[in-house]
Amino acid sequence: MRNILMTVMMLVVVILLFNAIITQDNTGTQAQIQSQGNTANTRISNMLP
């Protein structure tokens, strides 16, 4: 029973950390990757052949 409780608690912590680090609205990793991707797309589209 104790092992199950510890496992569930660790899963909750992992989920909370994921939400805090990856999916945070403006400063999360996902937002930073999307911003850098948009910048790269803009630079590529502005290149002249």
PDB file of N, CA and C in Angstrom:
ATOM      1  N   MET A   1       0.819  -1.196   0.000  1.00  0.00           N
ATOM      2  CA  MET A   1       0.000   0.000   0.000  1.00  0.00           C
ATOM      3  C   MET A   1       0.866   1.265   0.000  1.00  0.00           C
ATOM      4  N   ARG A   2       1.932   1.218   0.774  1.00  0.00           N
ATOM      5  CA  ARG A   2       2.813   2.374   0.847  1.00  0.00           C
ATOM      6  C   ARG A   2       3.504   2.626  -0.499  1.00  0.00           C
ATOM      7  N   ASN A   3       3.889   1.550  -1.186  1.00  0.00           N
ATOM      8  CA  ASN A   3       4.539   1.693  -2.488  1.00  0.00           C
ATOM      9  C   ASN A   3       3.605   2.326  -3.505  1.00  0.00           C
ATOM     10  N   ILE A   4       2.344   1.960  -3.473  1.00  0.00           N
ATOM     11  CA  ILE A   4       1.364   2.533  -4.392  1.00  0.00           C
ATOM     12  C   ILE A   4       1.190   4.021  -4.103  1.00  0.00           C
ATOM     13  N   LEU A   5       1.112   4.379  -2.841  1.00  0.00           N
ATOM     14  CA  LEU A   5       0.968   5.781  -2.461  1.00  0.00           C
ATOM     15  C   LEU A   5       2.176   6.597  -2.921  1.00  0.00           C
ATOM     16  N   MET A   6       3.368   6.082  -2.729  1.00  0.00           N
ATOM     17  CA  MET A   6       4.575   6.780  -3.160  1.00  0.00           C
ATOM     18  C   MET A   6       4.595   6.950  -4.678  1.00  0.00           C
ATOM     19  N   THR A   7       4.175   5.922  -5.405  1.00  0.00           N
ATOM     20  CA  THR A   7       4.137   5.999  -6.862  1.00  0.00           C
ATOM     21  C   THR A   7       3.148   7.055  -7.329  1.00  0.00           C
ATOM     22  N   VAL A   8       1.982   7.086  -6.726  1.00  0.00           N
ATOM     23  CA  VAL A   8       0.966   8.071  -7.093  1.00  0.00           C
ATOM     24  C   VAL A   8       1.452   9.478  -6.775  1.00  0.00           C
ATOM     25  N   MET A   9       2.072   9.663  -5.633  1.00  0.00           N
ATOM     26  CA  MET A   9       2.586  10.969  -5.258  1.00  0.00           C
ATOM     27  C   MET A   9       3.678  11.431  -6.229  1.00  0.00           C
ATOM     28  N   MET A  10       4.543  10.529  -6.637  1.00  0.00           N
ATOM     29  CA  MET A  10       5.595  10.885  -7.586  1.00  0.00           C
ATOM     30  C   MET A  10       5.003  11.251  -8.946  1.00  0.00           C
ATOM     31  N   LEU A  11       3.980  10.558  -9.376  1.00  0.00           N
ATOM     32  CA  LEU A  11       3.316  10.888 -10.632  1.00  0.00           C
ATOM     33  C   LEU A  11       2.678  12.271 -10.570  1.00  0.00           C
ATOM     34  N   VAL A  12       2.086  12.603  -9.445  1.00  0.00           N
ATOM     35  CA  VAL A  12       1.481  13.923  -9.278  1.00  0.00           C
ATOM     36  C   VAL A  12       2.557  15.005  -9.360  1.00  0.00           C
ATOM     37  N   VAL A  13       3.677  14.771  -8.732  1.00  0.00           N
ATOM     38  CA  VAL A  13       4.776  15.738  -8.774  1.00  0.00           C
ATOM     39  C   VAL A  13       5.285  15.917 -10.201  1.00  0.00           C
ATOM     40  N   VAL A  14       5.427  14.819 -10.938  1.00  0.00           N
ATOM     41  CA  VAL A  14       5.890  14.896 -12.326  1.00  0.00           C
ATOM     42  C   VAL A  14       4.904  15.691 -13.174  1.00  0.00           C
ATOM     43  N   ILE A  15       3.626  15.462 -12.986  1.00  0.00           N
ATOM     44  CA  ILE A  15       2.605  16.190 -13.747  1.00  0.00           C
ATOM     45  C   ILE A  15       2.652  17.677 -13.415  1.00  0.00           C
ATOM     46  N   LEU A  16       2.785  18.012 -12.151  1.00  0.00           N
ATOM     47  CA  LEU A  16       2.860  19.420 -11.759  1.00  0.00           C
ATOM     48  C   LEU A  16       4.108  20.097 -12.323  1.00  0.00           C
ATOM     49  N   LEU A  17       5.239  19.400 -12.291  1.00  0.00           N
ATOM     50  CA  LEU A  17       6.466  19.964 -12.855  1.00  0.00           C
ATOM     51  C   LEU A  17       6.336  20.152 -14.362  1.00  0.00           C
ATOM     52  N   PHE A  18       5.717  19.193 -15.045  1.00  0.00           N
ATOM     53  CA  PHE A  18       5.509  19.307 -16.489  1.00  0.00           C
ATOM     54  C   PHE A  18       4.685  20.543 -16.804  1.00  0.00           C
ATOM     55  N   ASN A  19       3.607  20.735 -16.056  1.00  0.00           N
ATOM     56  CA  ASN A  19       2.755  21.899 -16.288  1.00  0.00           C
ATOM     57  C   ASN A  19       3.479  23.201 -15.974  1.00  0.00           C
ATOM     58  N   ALA A  20       4.322  23.200 -14.974  1.00  0.00           N
ATOM     59  CA  ALA A  20       5.016  24.422 -14.588  1.00  0.00           C
ATOM     60  C   ALA A  20       6.144  24.774 -15.552  1.00  0.00           C
ATOM     61  N   ILE A  21       6.798  23.777 -16.134  1.00  0.00           N
ATOM     62  CA  ILE A  21       7.982  24.046 -16.955  1.00  0.00           C
ATOM     63  C   ILE A  21       7.653  24.073 -18.446  1.00  0.00           C
ATOM     64  N   ILE A  22       6.941  23.096 -18.924  1.00  0.00           N
ATOM     65  CA  ILE A  22       6.743  22.944 -20.364  1.00  0.00           C
ATOM     66  C   ILE A  22       5.583  23.780 -20.890  1.00  0.00           C
ATOM     67  N   THR A  23       4.437  23.693 -20.265  1.00  0.00           N
ATOM     68  CA  THR A  23       3.231  24.273 -20.852  1.00  0.00           C
ATOM     69  C   THR A  23       2.836  25.615 -20.250  1.00  0.00           C
ATOM     70  N   GLN A  24       3.740  26.271 -19.569  1.00  0.00           N
ATOM     71  CA  GLN A  24       3.438  27.591 -19.017  1.00  0.00           C
ATOM     72  C   GLN A  24       3.144  28.553 -20.165  1.00  0.00           C
ATOM     73  N   ASP A  25       2.200  29.469 -19.972  1.00  0.00           N
ATOM     74  CA  ASP A  25       1.658  30.279 -21.057  1.00  0.00           C
ATOM     75  C   ASP A  25       2.704  31.011 -21.893  1.00  0.00           C
ATOM     76  N   ASN A  26       3.396  31.967 -21.316  1.00  0.00           N
ATOM     77  CA  ASN A  26       4.278  32.822 -22.120  1.00  0.00           C
ATOM     78  C   ASN A  26       5.750  32.508 -21.958  1.00  0.00           C
ATOM     79  N   THR A  27       6.134  31.860 -20.886  1.00  0.00           N
ATOM     80  CA  THR A  27       7.551  31.647 -20.628  1.00  0.00           C
ATOM     81  C   THR A  27       7.939  30.180 -20.597  1.00  0.00           C
ATOM     82  N   GLY A  28       7.018  29.300 -20.908  1.00  0.00           N
ATOM     83  CA  GLY A  28       7.327  27.876 -20.885  1.00  0.00           C
ATOM     84  C   GLY A  28       8.154  27.455 -22.087  1.00  0.00           C
ATOM     85  N   THR A  29       8.662  26.262 -22.025  1.00  0.00           N
ATOM     86  CA  THR A  29       9.498  25.731 -23.097  1.00  0.00           C
ATOM     87  C   THR A  29       8.735  25.667 -24.409  1.00  0.00           C
ATOM     88  N   GLN A  30       7.481  25.262 -24.361  1.00  0.00           N
ATOM     89  CA  GLN A  30       6.671  25.174 -25.570  1.00  0.00           C
ATOM     90  C   GLN A  30       6.545  26.544 -26.243  1.00  0.00           C
ATOM     91  N   ALA A  31       6.303  27.586 -25.478  1.00  0.00           N
ATOM     92  CA  ALA A  31       6.172  28.934 -26.029  1.00  0.00           C
ATOM     93  C   ALA A  31       7.494  29.418 -26.610  1.00  0.00           C
ATOM     94  N   GLN A  32       8.601  29.098 -25.958  1.00  0.00           N
ATOM     95  CA  GLN A  32       9.905  29.514 -26.461  1.00  0.00           C
ATOM     96  C   GLN A  32      10.246  28.816 -27.771  1.00  0.00           C
ATOM     97  N   ILE A  33       9.943  27.528 -27.868  1.00  0.00           N
ATOM     98  CA  ILE A  33      10.196  26.791 -29.103  1.00  0.00           C
ATOM     99  C   ILE A  33       9.344  27.350 -30.228  1.00  0.00           C
ATOM    100  N   GLN A  34       8.088  27.639 -29.936  1.00  0.00           N
ATOM    101  CA  GLN A  34       7.204  28.177 -30.958  1.00  0.00           C
ATOM    102  C   GLN A  34       7.685  29.562 -31.413  1.00  0.00           C
ATOM    103  N   SER A  35       8.129  30.377 -30.484  1.00  0.00           N
ATOM    104  CA  SER A  35       8.634  31.704 -30.824  1.00  0.00           C
ATOM    105  C   SER A  35       9.868  31.611 -31.717  1.00  0.00           C
ATOM    106  N   GLN A  36      10.802  30.743 -31.367  1.00  0.00           N
ATOM    107  CA  GLN A  36      12.015  30.568 -32.179  1.00  0.00           C
ATOM    108  C   GLN A  36      11.679  30.017 -33.562  1.00  0.00           C
ATOM    109  N   GLY A  37      10.705  29.120 -33.630  1.00  0.00           N
ATOM    110  CA  GLY A  37      10.271  28.574 -34.914  1.00  0.00           C
ATOM    111  C   GLY A  37       9.653  29.642 -35.791  1.00  0.00           C
ATOM    112  N   ASN A  38       8.845  30.502 -35.202  1.00  0.00           N
ATOM    113  CA  ASN A  38       8.237  31.594 -35.969  1.00  0.00           C
ATOM    114  C   ASN A  38       9.302  32.561 -36.485  1.00  0.00           C
ATOM    115  N   THR A  39      10.296  32.840 -35.648  1.00  0.00           N
ATOM    116  CA  THR A  39      11.385  33.714 -36.066  1.00  0.00           C
ATOM    117  C   THR A  39      12.156  33.095 -37.227  1.00  0.00           C
ATOM    118  N   ALA A  40      12.439  31.804 -37.140  1.00  0.00           N
ATOM    119  CA  ALA A  40      13.158  31.123 -38.223  1.00  0.00           C
ATOM    120  C   ALA A  40      12.334  31.135 -39.504  1.00  0.00           C
ATOM    121  N   ASN A  41      11.034  30.895 -39.408  1.00  0.00           N
ATOM    122  CA  ASN A  41      10.173  30.916 -40.591  1.00  0.00           C
ATOM    123  C   ASN A  41      10.152  32.289 -41.233  1.00  0.00           C
ATOM    124  N   THR A  42      10.118  33.332 -40.428  1.00  0.00           N
ATOM    125  CA  THR A  42      10.120  34.694 -40.957  1.00  0.00           C
ATOM    126  C   THR A  42      11.434  34.986 -41.677  1.00  0.00           C
ATOM    127  N   ARG A  43      12.547  34.605 -41.069  1.00  0.00           N
ATOM    128  CA  ARG A  43      13.847  34.844 -41.702  1.00  0.00           C
ATOM    129  C   ARG A  43      13.962  34.080 -43.019  1.00  0.00           C
ATOM    130  N   ILE A  44      13.491  32.855 -43.054  1.00  0.00           N
ATOM    131  CA  ILE A  44      13.566  32.053 -44.267  1.00  0.00           C
ATOM    132  C   ILE A  44      12.690  32.659 -45.358  1.00  0.00           C
ATOM    133  N   SER A  45      11.499  33.096 -44.988  1.00  0.00           N
ATOM    134  CA  SER A  45      10.590  33.665 -45.996  1.00  0.00           C
ATOM    135  C   SER A  45      11.078  35.007 -46.511  1.00  0.00           C
ATOM    136  N   ASN A  46      11.905  35.715 -45.753  1.00  0.00           N
ATOM    137  CA  ASN A  46      12.424  37.003 -46.190  1.00  0.00           C
ATOM    138  C   ASN A  46      13.696  36.888 -47.030  1.00  0.00           C
ATOM    139  N   MET A  47      14.223  35.678 -47.177  1.00  0.00           N
ATOM    140  CA  MET A  47      15.439  35.502 -47.969  1.00  0.00           C
ATOM    141  C   MET A  47      15.120  35.671 -49.455  1.00  0.00           C
ATOM    142  N   LEU A  48      16.035  36.290 -50.140  1.00  0.00           N
ATOM    143  CA  LEU A  48      15.872  36.481 -51.594  1.00  0.00           C
ATOM    144  C   LEU A  48      16.653  35.399 -52.329  1.00  0.00           C
ATOM    145  N   PRO A  49      16.073  34.889 -53.413  1.00  0.00           N
ATOM    146  CA  PRO A  49      16.795  33.832 -54.164  1.00  0.00           C
ATOM    147  C   PRO A  49      17.965  34.379 -54.955  1.00  0.00           C
TER     148      PRO A  49
END
